[in-house]
Protein backbone atom coordinates (compact mmCIF):
# COMPACT_ATOMS: atom_id res chain seq x y z
CA MET A 1 -15.53 -79.64 -63.60
CA THR A 2 -14.26 -79.29 -67.16
CA ILE A 3 -10.92 -78.75 -68.88
CA GLN A 4 -9.73 -75.15 -68.82
CA PHE A 5 -8.51 -74.63 -72.37
CA ASP A 6 -6.43 -71.85 -73.77
CA ASN A 7 -5.48 -71.67 -77.46
CA SER A 8 -2.50 -69.47 -78.15
CA TYR A 9 -2.20 -70.91 -81.66
CA ALA A 10 -5.69 -69.67 -82.50
CA ARG A 11 -4.54 -66.17 -81.59
CA LEU A 12 -2.11 -66.24 -84.50
CA PRO A 13 -3.28 -64.78 -87.86
CA SER A 14 -6.13 -66.58 -89.62
CA ALA A 15 -3.78 -67.90 -92.34
CA PHE A 16 -2.43 -70.40 -89.77
CA TYR A 17 -5.62 -72.43 -89.40
CA ALA A 18 -9.28 -72.88 -90.19
CA GLU A 19 -11.93 -73.10 -87.50
CA ALA A 20 -13.29 -76.61 -87.11
CA THR A 21 -16.33 -78.32 -85.66
CA PRO A 22 -15.87 -81.93 -84.54
CA ALA A 23 -18.56 -84.29 -85.78
CA PRO A 24 -20.58 -85.47 -82.77
CA ALA A 25 -20.33 -89.20 -82.16
CA PRO A 26 -23.82 -90.74 -82.09
CA GLU A 27 -23.15 -93.38 -79.41
CA PRO A 28 -19.71 -92.86 -77.87
CA SER A 29 -18.01 -95.26 -75.49
CA PHE A 30 -14.50 -95.49 -74.07
CA LEU A 31 -11.97 -97.89 -75.54
CA ALA A 32 -9.10 -96.69 -73.35
CA ILE A 33 -8.42 -93.75 -71.09
CA ASN A 34 -5.10 -92.65 -69.61
CA GLU A 35 -5.34 -91.78 -65.92
CA ASP A 36 -1.61 -91.11 -65.49
CA LEU A 37 -1.58 -88.58 -68.34
CA ALA A 38 -4.78 -86.92 -67.14
CA ASN A 39 -3.14 -86.39 -63.74
CA GLU A 40 0.00 -84.95 -65.38
CA LEU A 41 -2.19 -82.50 -67.28
CA GLY A 42 -4.07 -81.48 -64.15
CA ILE A 43 -7.34 -82.89 -65.47
CA ASP A 44 -9.79 -84.42 -62.98
CA PHE A 45 -9.82 -88.08 -64.02
CA GLU A 46 -13.16 -88.77 -62.38
CA TRP A 47 -14.74 -86.05 -64.52
CA LEU A 48 -12.81 -87.09 -67.64
CA SER A 49 -14.05 -90.68 -67.35
CA SER A 50 -17.65 -89.55 -66.79
CA GLU A 51 -20.32 -89.07 -69.43
CA ALA A 52 -19.47 -85.37 -69.60
CA GLY A 53 -15.82 -86.18 -70.33
CA LEU A 54 -16.82 -88.78 -72.89
CA ASP A 55 -19.03 -86.25 -74.67
CA LEU A 56 -16.10 -83.83 -74.91
CA LEU A 57 -13.64 -86.45 -76.16
CA SER A 58 -16.08 -87.75 -78.76
CA GLY A 59 -16.99 -84.37 -80.20
CA LYS A 60 -20.53 -84.31 -78.80
CA THR A 61 -19.92 -81.21 -76.72
CA ARG A 62 -17.80 -78.16 -77.39
CA PRO A 63 -15.59 -76.72 -74.63
CA GLU A 64 -17.07 -73.48 -73.38
CA GLY A 65 -15.30 -70.49 -74.90
CA ALA A 66 -12.92 -72.64 -76.95
CA THR A 67 -11.70 -71.84 -80.45
CA ILE A 68 -11.40 -75.25 -82.12
CA ILE A 69 -9.12 -75.25 -85.15
CA ALA A 70 -7.53 -77.38 -87.86
CA ALA A 71 -3.96 -76.30 -88.54
CA ALA A 72 -2.66 -75.45 -92.01
CA TYR A 73 0.57 -76.98 -93.29
CA ALA A 74 2.23 -78.28 -96.44
CA GLY A 75 4.73 -81.09 -96.85
CA HIS A 76 6.87 -83.41 -98.92
CA GLN A 77 5.14 -86.77 -99.13
CA PHE A 78 7.56 -89.48 -100.29
CA GLY A 79 9.70 -86.69 -101.74
CA ASN A 80 6.89 -84.94 -103.63
CA PHE A 81 5.88 -81.47 -102.48
CA VAL A 82 2.21 -80.84 -101.72
CA PRO A 83 1.63 -77.11 -101.07
CA GLN A 84 -1.48 -77.58 -98.92
CA LEU A 85 -2.21 -80.47 -96.59
CA GLY A 86 -3.38 -79.46 -93.13
CA ASP A 87 -5.37 -81.27 -90.46
CA GLY A 88 -7.80 -83.20 -92.62
CA ARG A 89 -9.21 -85.32 -89.81
CA ALA A 90 -8.09 -83.61 -86.63
CA ALA A 91 -9.34 -80.73 -84.51
CA LEU A 92 -7.26 -78.91 -81.91
CA LEU A 93 -9.52 -78.35 -78.91
CA GLY A 94 -6.98 -76.11 -77.25
CA GLU A 95 -4.05 -76.09 -74.88
CA VAL A 96 -3.55 -76.80 -71.20
CA ILE A 97 -0.63 -76.09 -68.88
CA ASP A 98 0.60 -79.30 -67.25
CA PHE A 99 2.04 -79.75 -63.76
CA ASN A 100 5.52 -78.96 -65.10
CA GLY A 101 4.31 -75.63 -66.43
CA ILE A 102 4.56 -76.82 -70.04
CA ARG A 103 1.88 -75.91 -72.58
CA LYS A 104 0.36 -78.99 -74.24
CA ASP A 105 -2.03 -79.35 -77.17
CA ILE A 106 -5.12 -81.53 -76.84
CA GLN A 107 -6.36 -82.67 -80.23
CA LEU A 108 -9.15 -84.95 -81.43
CA LYS A 109 -7.94 -87.16 -84.28
CA GLY A 110 -10.61 -88.78 -86.44
CA SER A 111 -13.24 -86.24 -85.46
CA GLY A 112 -14.63 -85.46 -88.93
CA ARG A 113 -14.14 -83.22 -91.92
CA THR A 114 -12.25 -79.94 -91.82
CA ALA A 115 -11.39 -77.33 -94.42
CA PHE A 116 -8.31 -79.45 -95.22
CA SER A 117 -9.98 -82.84 -95.70
CA ARG A 118 -9.50 -82.82 -99.49
CA GLY A 119 -12.51 -85.04 -100.11
CA GLY A 120 -11.88 -87.41 -97.21
CA ASP A 121 -14.42 -88.22 -94.53
CA GLY A 122 -12.18 -86.98 -91.71
CA LYS A 123 -12.96 -90.05 -89.65
CA ALA A 124 -10.77 -92.81 -88.24
CA ALA A 125 -11.32 -96.51 -87.74
CA ILE A 126 -10.67 -98.34 -84.51
CA GLY A 127 -7.45 -99.97 -85.77
CA PRO A 128 -5.33 -96.87 -86.46
CA VAL A 129 -6.66 -95.15 -83.32
CA LEU A 130 -5.81 -98.05 -81.06
CA ARG A 131 -2.44 -98.59 -82.78
CA GLU A 132 -1.43 -94.99 -82.07
CA TYR A 133 -2.66 -95.25 -78.49
CA ILE A 134 -0.67 -98.42 -77.82
CA VAL A 135 2.52 -97.48 -79.64
CA SER A 136 2.77 -93.85 -78.52
CA GLU A 137 2.30 -94.79 -74.88
CA ALA A 138 4.84 -97.61 -75.28
CA MET A 139 7.33 -95.10 -76.73
CA HIS A 140 6.75 -92.82 -73.75
CA LYS A 141 7.48 -95.66 -71.35
CA LEU A 142 10.66 -96.44 -73.32
CA GLY A 143 11.77 -92.86 -72.62
CA ILE A 144 11.54 -91.62 -76.21
CA PRO A 145 10.02 -88.16 -76.85
CA THR A 146 6.56 -88.64 -78.30
CA THR A 147 3.05 -87.35 -78.58
CA ARG A 148 0.80 -89.20 -76.16
CA ALA A 149 -2.71 -90.59 -76.00
CA LEU A 150 -5.21 -89.34 -73.44
CA ALA A 151 -8.14 -91.43 -74.64
CA ALA A 152 -9.51 -93.61 -77.41
CA VAL A 153 -13.25 -93.51 -77.97
CA LEU A 154 -15.62 -95.55 -80.10
CA THR A 155 -18.04 -93.30 -81.95
CA GLY A 156 -20.89 -95.79 -82.39
CA GLU A 157 -20.83 -95.53 -86.18
CA ASP A 158 -18.96 -97.38 -88.91
CA VAL A 159 -16.46 -95.84 -91.31
CA ALA A 160 -15.98 -97.11 -94.85
CA ARG A 161 -12.48 -98.30 -95.73
CA GLU A 162 -11.86 -101.59 -97.57
CA THR A 163 -14.78 -102.77 -95.42
CA LEU A 164 -17.01 -101.14 -92.85
CA LEU A 165 -15.09 -100.74 -89.60
CA PRO A 166 -16.01 -99.34 -86.19
CA GLY A 167 -15.28 -95.61 -86.05
CA ALA A 168 -13.10 -94.15 -83.32
CA VAL A 169 -11.49 -90.91 -82.13
CA LEU A 170 -8.07 -90.54 -80.52
CA THR A 171 -7.39 -87.73 -78.06
CA ARG A 172 -3.76 -86.85 -78.73
CA VAL A 173 -1.55 -84.74 -76.47
CA ALA A 174 1.52 -83.00 -77.90
CA ALA A 175 4.00 -80.30 -76.99
CA SER A 176 2.52 -78.75 -80.14
CA HIS A 177 1.41 -79.89 -83.58
CA ILE A 178 3.77 -77.57 -85.49
CA ARG A 179 5.66 -79.41 -88.20
CA VAL A 180 8.39 -78.83 -90.75
CA GLY A 181 5.49 -78.64 -93.17
CA THR A 182 4.02 -75.69 -91.27
CA PHE A 183 7.07 -73.62 -92.23
CA GLN A 184 6.87 -74.97 -95.79
CA PHE A 185 3.28 -73.76 -96.03
CA PHE A 186 4.28 -70.12 -95.64
CA TYR A 187 7.57 -70.39 -97.52
CA ALA A 188 5.76 -71.77 -100.57
CA ARG A 189 3.40 -68.79 -100.48
CA GLU A 190 6.25 -66.31 -100.03
CA ASP A 191 4.43 -65.11 -96.92
CA ILE A 192 7.51 -63.88 -95.06
CA SER A 193 5.53 -62.05 -92.40
CA SER A 194 3.72 -65.26 -91.38
CA LEU A 195 6.96 -67.24 -91.59
CA LYS A 196 8.54 -64.86 -89.10
CA THR A 197 5.47 -64.93 -86.87
CA LEU A 198 5.58 -68.72 -86.83
CA ALA A 199 9.29 -68.79 -86.00
CA ASP A 200 8.80 -66.29 -83.17
CA TYR A 201 5.93 -68.39 -81.80
CA VAL A 202 8.03 -71.57 -81.90
CA ILE A 203 10.93 -69.85 -80.15
CA GLU A 204 8.67 -68.57 -77.38
CA ARG A 205 6.90 -71.92 -76.93
CA HIS A 206 9.67 -74.48 -77.49
CA TYR A 207 13.11 -72.86 -77.66
CA PRO A 208 13.09 -69.73 -75.46
CA SER A 209 16.89 -69.72 -75.15
CA CYS A 210 17.08 -68.82 -78.85
CA ALA A 211 15.41 -65.48 -78.21
CA SER A 212 18.63 -63.91 -76.96
CA ALA A 213 20.87 -65.34 -79.70
CA SER A 214 22.55 -62.96 -82.14
CA ASN A 215 20.62 -64.70 -84.93
CA ARG A 216 17.49 -66.07 -83.25
CA TYR A 217 16.25 -67.90 -86.34
CA GLY A 218 19.63 -69.50 -87.01
CA ALA A 219 19.70 -70.60 -83.38
CA LEU A 220 16.20 -72.01 -83.78
CA LEU A 221 17.25 -74.05 -86.80
CA GLU A 222 20.27 -75.43 -84.94
CA SER A 223 18.13 -76.34 -81.94
CA VAL A 224 15.56 -78.20 -84.02
CA ILE A 225 18.33 -80.04 -85.88
CA LYS A 226 19.98 -81.20 -82.65
CA ARG A 227 16.72 -82.36 -81.14
CA GLN A 228 15.67 -84.28 -84.25
CA ALA A 229 19.08 -85.92 -84.56
CA GLU A 230 18.83 -87.15 -80.98
CA LEU A 231 15.26 -88.38 -81.50
CA ILE A 232 16.10 -90.46 -84.57
CA ALA A 233 19.12 -91.94 -82.79
CA GLN A 234 16.76 -93.06 -80.04
CA TRP A 235 14.46 -94.68 -82.61
CA MET A 236 17.40 -96.64 -83.97
CA MET A 237 18.29 -98.00 -80.55
CA VAL A 238 14.92 -99.72 -80.10
CA GLY A 239 14.37 -100.79 -83.72
CA PHE A 240 11.51 -98.36 -84.28
CA ILE A 241 10.48 -97.64 -87.86
CA HIS A 242 8.26 -94.58 -88.29
CA GLY A 243 7.02 -95.64 -91.71
CA VAL A 244 6.09 -92.22 -93.13
CA MET A 245 8.81 -89.67 -92.42
CA ASN A 246 7.21 -87.04 -94.64
CA THR A 247 8.06 -83.46 -93.71
CA ASP A 248 4.50 -82.92 -92.52
CA ASN A 249 5.08 -85.79 -90.04
CA MET A 250 8.17 -84.24 -88.41
CA SER A 251 7.41 -82.24 -85.30
CA ILE A 252 9.32 -79.03 -84.63
CA SER A 253 9.24 -79.78 -80.89
CA GLY A 254 11.29 -82.96 -81.35
CA GLU A 255 8.55 -85.44 -80.49
CA THR A 256 7.66 -88.56 -82.45
CA ILE A 257 4.38 -87.74 -84.16
CA ASP A 258 1.84 -89.34 -86.52
CA TYR A 259 1.93 -93.06 -85.84
CA GLY A 260 0.52 -94.42 -89.07
CA PRO A 261 2.10 -97.60 -90.49
CA CYS A 262 4.79 -97.59 -87.80
CA ALA A 263 6.33 -100.78 -86.44
CA PHE A 264 9.13 -102.19 -84.32
CA MET A 265 11.66 -104.34 -86.13
CA ASP A 266 11.73 -107.98 -85.08
CA PHE A 267 14.62 -109.62 -86.96
CA PHE A 268 17.44 -107.19 -87.60
CA ASP A 269 17.79 -105.93 -91.17
CA PRO A 270 18.59 -102.29 -92.04
CA LYS A 271 16.38 -102.58 -95.14
CA THR A 272 13.30 -103.44 -93.08
CA VAL A 273 10.10 -101.73 -94.24
CA TYR A 274 6.62 -102.43 -92.88
CA SER A 275 4.57 -99.63 -94.40
CA ALA A 276 2.44 -101.01 -97.23
CA ILE A 277 2.66 -97.66 -99.03
CA ASP A 278 6.49 -97.45 -98.94
CA GLN A 279 7.05 -99.58 -102.02
CA MET A 280 10.57 -98.25 -102.70
CA GLY A 281 11.85 -98.46 -99.12
CA ARG A 282 12.39 -94.72 -98.79
CA TYR A 283 11.65 -94.86 -95.07
CA ALA A 284 13.34 -98.19 -94.24
CA TYR A 285 14.91 -98.54 -90.80
CA GLY A 286 18.44 -97.88 -92.02
CA ASN A 287 17.39 -94.86 -94.10
CA GLN A 288 15.86 -92.92 -91.22
CA PRO A 289 18.97 -90.91 -90.22
CA GLY A 290 19.47 -89.73 -93.81
CA ILE A 291 15.81 -88.90 -94.27
CA GLY A 292 15.90 -86.90 -91.06
CA GLN A 293 18.73 -84.82 -92.49
CA TRP A 294 16.85 -84.40 -95.78
CA ASN A 295 13.75 -83.18 -93.96
CA LEU A 296 15.79 -80.72 -91.94
CA SER A 297 17.37 -79.36 -95.13
CA VAL A 298 13.81 -78.59 -96.24
CA LEU A 299 13.24 -76.73 -92.97
CA ALA A 300 16.46 -74.78 -93.53
CA GLN A 301 15.32 -73.83 -97.01
CA SER A 302 11.97 -72.67 -95.65
CA LEU A 303 13.72 -70.42 -93.13
CA LEU A 304 16.08 -68.80 -95.66
CA PRO A 305 14.03 -65.60 -96.05
CA ILE A 306 14.37 -64.81 -92.34
CA LEU A 307 17.86 -66.19 -91.60
CA ASP A 308 19.48 -63.07 -93.06
CA GLU A 309 18.47 -60.20 -95.29
CA ASP A 310 21.44 -61.03 -97.51
CA ALA A 311 20.53 -64.18 -99.47
CA ASP A 312 24.11 -65.45 -99.60
CA LYS A 313 24.57 -65.01 -95.88
CA ALA A 314 21.25 -66.76 -95.24
CA VAL A 315 22.51 -69.78 -97.18
CA GLU A 316 25.73 -69.75 -95.14
CA VAL A 317 23.72 -69.75 -91.88
CA ALA A 318 21.56 -72.63 -93.13
CA LYS A 319 24.56 -74.69 -94.25
CA ALA A 320 26.36 -74.11 -90.95
CA ALA A 321 23.31 -75.34 -89.06
CA LEU A 322 22.86 -78.39 -91.29
CA ASP A 323 26.52 -79.28 -90.81
CA ILE A 324 25.67 -79.91 -87.16
CA TYR A 325 23.36 -82.83 -87.98
CA PRO A 326 25.89 -85.62 -88.72
CA SER A 327 27.89 -85.05 -85.55
CA ALA A 328 24.77 -84.51 -83.42
CA PHE A 329 23.25 -87.75 -84.70
CA GLN A 330 26.50 -89.70 -84.39
CA SER A 331 27.08 -88.48 -80.85
CA ALA A 332 23.60 -89.52 -79.75
CA TYR A 333 23.82 -92.79 -81.67
CA GLU A 334 27.16 -93.77 -80.13
CA LYS A 335 25.94 -92.82 -76.67
CA GLY A 336 22.98 -95.14 -77.23
CA LEU A 337 25.03 -98.07 -78.53
CA ARG A 338 27.46 -97.86 -75.61
CA ALA A 339 24.55 -98.02 -73.20
CA LYS A 340 23.09 -101.03 -75.02
CA LEU A 341 26.47 -102.79 -74.95
CA GLY A 342 27.08 -101.99 -71.29
CA LEU A 343 29.99 -99.64 -71.88
CA ALA A 344 30.44 -96.71 -69.53
CA VAL A 345 33.58 -95.13 -71.00
CA GLU A 346 34.07 -93.94 -74.57
CA ASP A 347 36.56 -95.87 -76.69
CA ALA A 348 37.52 -95.32 -80.32
CA GLY A 349 36.79 -98.93 -81.23
CA ASP A 350 33.22 -99.03 -79.92
CA LEU A 351 31.54 -98.15 -83.22
CA ALA A 352 33.44 -100.92 -85.04
CA LEU A 353 32.46 -103.40 -82.32
CA TRP A 354 28.83 -102.35 -82.76
CA GLN A 355 28.89 -102.54 -86.54
CA ASP A 356 30.44 -106.00 -86.42
CA LEU A 357 27.64 -107.10 -84.11
CA LEU A 358 24.93 -105.68 -86.37
CA LYS A 359 26.38 -107.64 -89.29
CA HIS A 360 26.06 -110.85 -87.27
CA LEU A 361 22.49 -109.97 -86.32
CA SER A 362 21.60 -109.25 -89.93
CA ASP A 363 23.33 -112.32 -91.36
CA GLN A 364 21.62 -114.61 -88.87
CA GLU A 365 18.28 -112.71 -88.84
CA VAL A 366 18.43 -112.35 -85.06
CA ASP A 367 15.62 -110.72 -83.11
CA PHE A 368 16.89 -107.24 -82.22
CA THR A 369 15.09 -106.75 -78.90
CA GLN A 370 15.53 -110.28 -77.61
CA PHE A 371 19.25 -110.29 -78.40
CA PHE A 372 20.08 -107.17 -76.40
CA ARG A 373 17.89 -108.21 -73.49
CA THR A 374 19.74 -111.53 -73.38
CA LEU A 375 23.15 -109.85 -73.77
CA SER A 376 22.29 -107.74 -70.71
CA LYS A 377 22.33 -110.89 -68.57
CA ILE A 378 25.60 -112.37 -69.86
CA PRO A 379 28.53 -112.17 -67.40
CA LYS A 380 32.03 -111.01 -68.26
CA GLU A 381 33.36 -114.53 -67.95
CA ALA A 382 32.27 -117.29 -70.35
CA GLY A 383 29.79 -119.74 -68.87
CA ALA A 384 26.55 -121.63 -69.33
CA GLU A 385 24.71 -118.34 -69.95
CA ASP A 386 26.45 -118.08 -73.33
CA GLU A 387 24.14 -120.80 -74.62
CA MET A 388 21.22 -118.36 -74.46
CA LEU A 389 22.99 -116.04 -76.89
CA GLN A 390 24.19 -118.85 -79.12
CA ALA A 391 20.63 -120.12 -79.42
CA LEU A 392 19.59 -116.71 -80.76
CA VAL A 393 22.43 -116.43 -83.28
CA GLY A 394 22.23 -120.00 -84.57
CA GLY A 395 25.20 -121.47 -82.70
CA PRO A 396 28.74 -120.32 -81.84
CA SER A 397 30.14 -119.86 -85.40
CA MET A 398 31.96 -116.56 -85.97
CA PHE A 399 29.82 -114.88 -83.32
CA GLY A 400 32.12 -116.37 -80.69
CA MET A 401 34.87 -114.05 -81.90
CA TRP A 402 32.61 -111.03 -81.38
CA LEU A 403 31.72 -112.24 -77.90
CA LEU A 404 35.43 -112.46 -77.02
CA ALA A 405 35.99 -108.90 -78.29
CA TRP A 406 33.01 -107.62 -76.31
CA ARG A 407 34.23 -109.25 -73.12
CA ALA A 408 37.70 -107.84 -73.62
CA ARG A 409 36.13 -104.40 -73.98
CA LEU A 410 34.09 -104.91 -70.79
CA ASN A 411 37.22 -105.92 -68.91
CA SER A 412 38.89 -102.64 -69.89
CA GLU A 413 36.41 -100.91 -67.57
CA THR A 414 36.09 -101.06 -63.80
CA ARG A 415 32.35 -101.56 -63.30
CA SER A 416 31.28 -104.79 -61.66
CA ASP A 417 29.15 -107.27 -63.57
CA ALA A 418 26.17 -106.46 -61.35
CA GLU A 419 26.43 -102.72 -61.99
CA ARG A 420 26.88 -103.21 -65.72
CA GLN A 421 24.00 -105.70 -66.02
CA THR A 422 21.67 -103.42 -64.07
CA ALA A 423 22.55 -100.53 -66.39
CA MET A 424 22.00 -102.65 -69.51
CA LEU A 425 18.66 -104.00 -68.29
CA ALA A 426 17.52 -100.39 -67.79
CA VAL A 427 18.05 -99.52 -71.48
CA ASN A 428 17.40 -102.82 -73.28
CA PRO A 429 13.66 -103.42 -72.98
CA ALA A 430 12.10 -106.79 -72.37
CA TYR A 431 8.82 -105.75 -73.95
CA ILE A 432 8.10 -103.70 -77.06
CA PRO A 433 4.82 -103.39 -79.00
CA ARG A 434 5.63 -106.27 -81.32
CA ASN A 435 3.73 -106.09 -84.57
CA HIS A 436 2.00 -109.46 -84.29
CA LEU A 437 0.81 -108.64 -80.77
CA VAL A 438 -0.46 -105.20 -81.79
CA GLU A 439 -2.29 -106.70 -84.77
CA GLU A 440 -3.88 -109.32 -82.55
CA ALA A 441 -5.03 -106.59 -80.18
CA LEU A 442 -6.54 -104.60 -83.06
CA GLU A 443 -8.29 -107.62 -84.58
CA GLN A 444 -9.85 -108.51 -81.24
CA ALA A 445 -10.88 -104.89 -80.60
CA GLU A 446 -12.59 -104.69 -83.99
CA LYS A 447 -14.73 -107.63 -82.79
CA GLY A 448 -15.60 -105.79 -79.60
CA ASN A 449 -13.10 -107.50 -77.30
CA MET A 450 -10.57 -105.20 -75.60
CA ALA A 451 -9.17 -107.82 -73.20
CA PHE A 452 -5.98 -108.51 -75.16
CA ALA A 453 -5.36 -104.82 -75.92
CA ASP A 454 -5.72 -104.01 -72.24
CA LYS A 455 -3.30 -106.81 -71.33
CA LEU A 456 -0.78 -105.62 -73.92
CA MET A 457 -0.93 -102.06 -72.60
CA GLU A 458 -0.39 -103.40 -69.07
CA VAL A 459 2.74 -105.24 -70.23
CA LEU A 460 4.11 -102.24 -72.15
CA ALA A 461 3.62 -99.91 -69.18
CA GLU A 462 6.77 -101.42 -67.59
CA PRO A 463 8.95 -102.38 -70.55
CA PHE A 464 12.16 -102.97 -68.56
CA GLU A 465 10.70 -105.20 -65.82
CA GLU A 466 10.27 -108.88 -66.67
CA ARG A 467 7.24 -110.34 -64.92
CA GLN A 468 5.85 -113.81 -64.47
CA GLY A 469 2.88 -114.63 -66.66
CA PHE A 470 4.07 -112.34 -69.48
CA GLU A 471 6.50 -114.76 -71.13
CA ARG A 472 4.69 -114.68 -74.47
CA TYR A 473 5.34 -110.95 -74.83
CA LEU A 474 9.11 -111.47 -74.64
CA LEU A 475 9.32 -113.69 -77.69
CA ALA A 476 9.93 -113.01 -81.35
CA PRO A 477 7.04 -113.96 -83.63
CA LYS A 478 6.75 -117.50 -84.94
CA PRO A 479 7.03 -117.76 -88.75
CA GLU A 480 3.25 -117.84 -89.11
CA GLU A 481 2.93 -114.74 -86.87
CA VAL A 482 5.32 -112.46 -88.78
CA ILE A 483 3.67 -109.25 -89.98
CA GLN A 484 4.98 -108.08 -93.36
CA ASN A 485 2.85 -104.94 -93.88
CA THR A 486 1.30 -102.25 -91.74
CA PHE A 487 -1.25 -99.74 -92.96
CA CYS A 488 -1.88 -96.06 -92.41
CA GLY A 489 -5.66 -96.42 -92.16
CA THR A 490 -6.48 -93.05 -93.72
């Protein structure tokens, strides 16, 4: 048994990629392997977890008949355009068709140098690999579109960063690895033929309904914009901070991709930044919706040559598509906030109620996740349960006025308390990959102990179900546990 790969992307013109050869790991061993995902992909888990599977996932063996490639792309990094980036430490093994009939990429990340490595070693250390495994699978369980992790493998050799660290390879699964930066790559080169080929490929693979539109490329742009707006709104609802929203880190398929210095916000503050490289706060939590729009304006610019033969009309098409973003984001955002607040019916005052709450959370530095989980359990009528909320917000104070307004809003609807609480508990997670817990898992794994990482992944596999014995994972970090910075690990 082996994986039956196809690679439609490798059948595109040679300008789209460079062939790659993963560096064979000298002494590979499994850190983690995802049985549920393997089954979804139609991959025999028994074979995948065998020595033959390990050899494939560590780069020791090459799939028979496969064309392994590193994709070319460009991108704006912290607002500065770089005309050639590309997969500098990743190799696309190929594609499989999952049980839903959807084509999925399988990529090795950290598998050695490629034509796009730009002087880097192309390798990855255990920390970034395990972080992406943990966080991407947690995002999937939270119901947020994301790339996923099939396996994490130790290579048996060290990589040099600030110190020598155990080397590792992540096997990443994605709807595709096409980015905004992929379109920028061809636009910057004025390669209109390749730009059109790429757009046609994306339509066929991700947005087939656009094929019959009167302007297929305008329809494509609108579809990507809507999907990205909805994705970022979902991030905001769980306090997720991507950390590096460069255009080369924005997937055309609408999945969260490239988990570098990502983190989940503990204490609510729109200015929260964890990424050690984001010194100016460009990608702070509260800036993410605006950065999403900025990135999509770059995509629109890259598509101008094929939106219409008339340059002025092309600009009109691009502007019309971009005008969709604010309303698409706001619609998804307000849908999310109503669900978090337990509101089933739309009301004009809901956004103001939400914004008033966020001000309280920010002023009192309240833990975002813990607050909404606790709110989910509060009845419509005041009672002893209110003390749980008051403990989180530092006492009754002005928050009591908000609580009265919220209850009045609940009482304008007909749902029972039980129905409303059940709905809220299904969208307000008990468990997220809290930064201090993830860091503890990584530190232990670097020392050769995967017990805590395994336990954390077990907890995160059911984020909405509180279980006995997992109380620690519910709590905000103690002052001495707070993580201020996360790192990309490149």
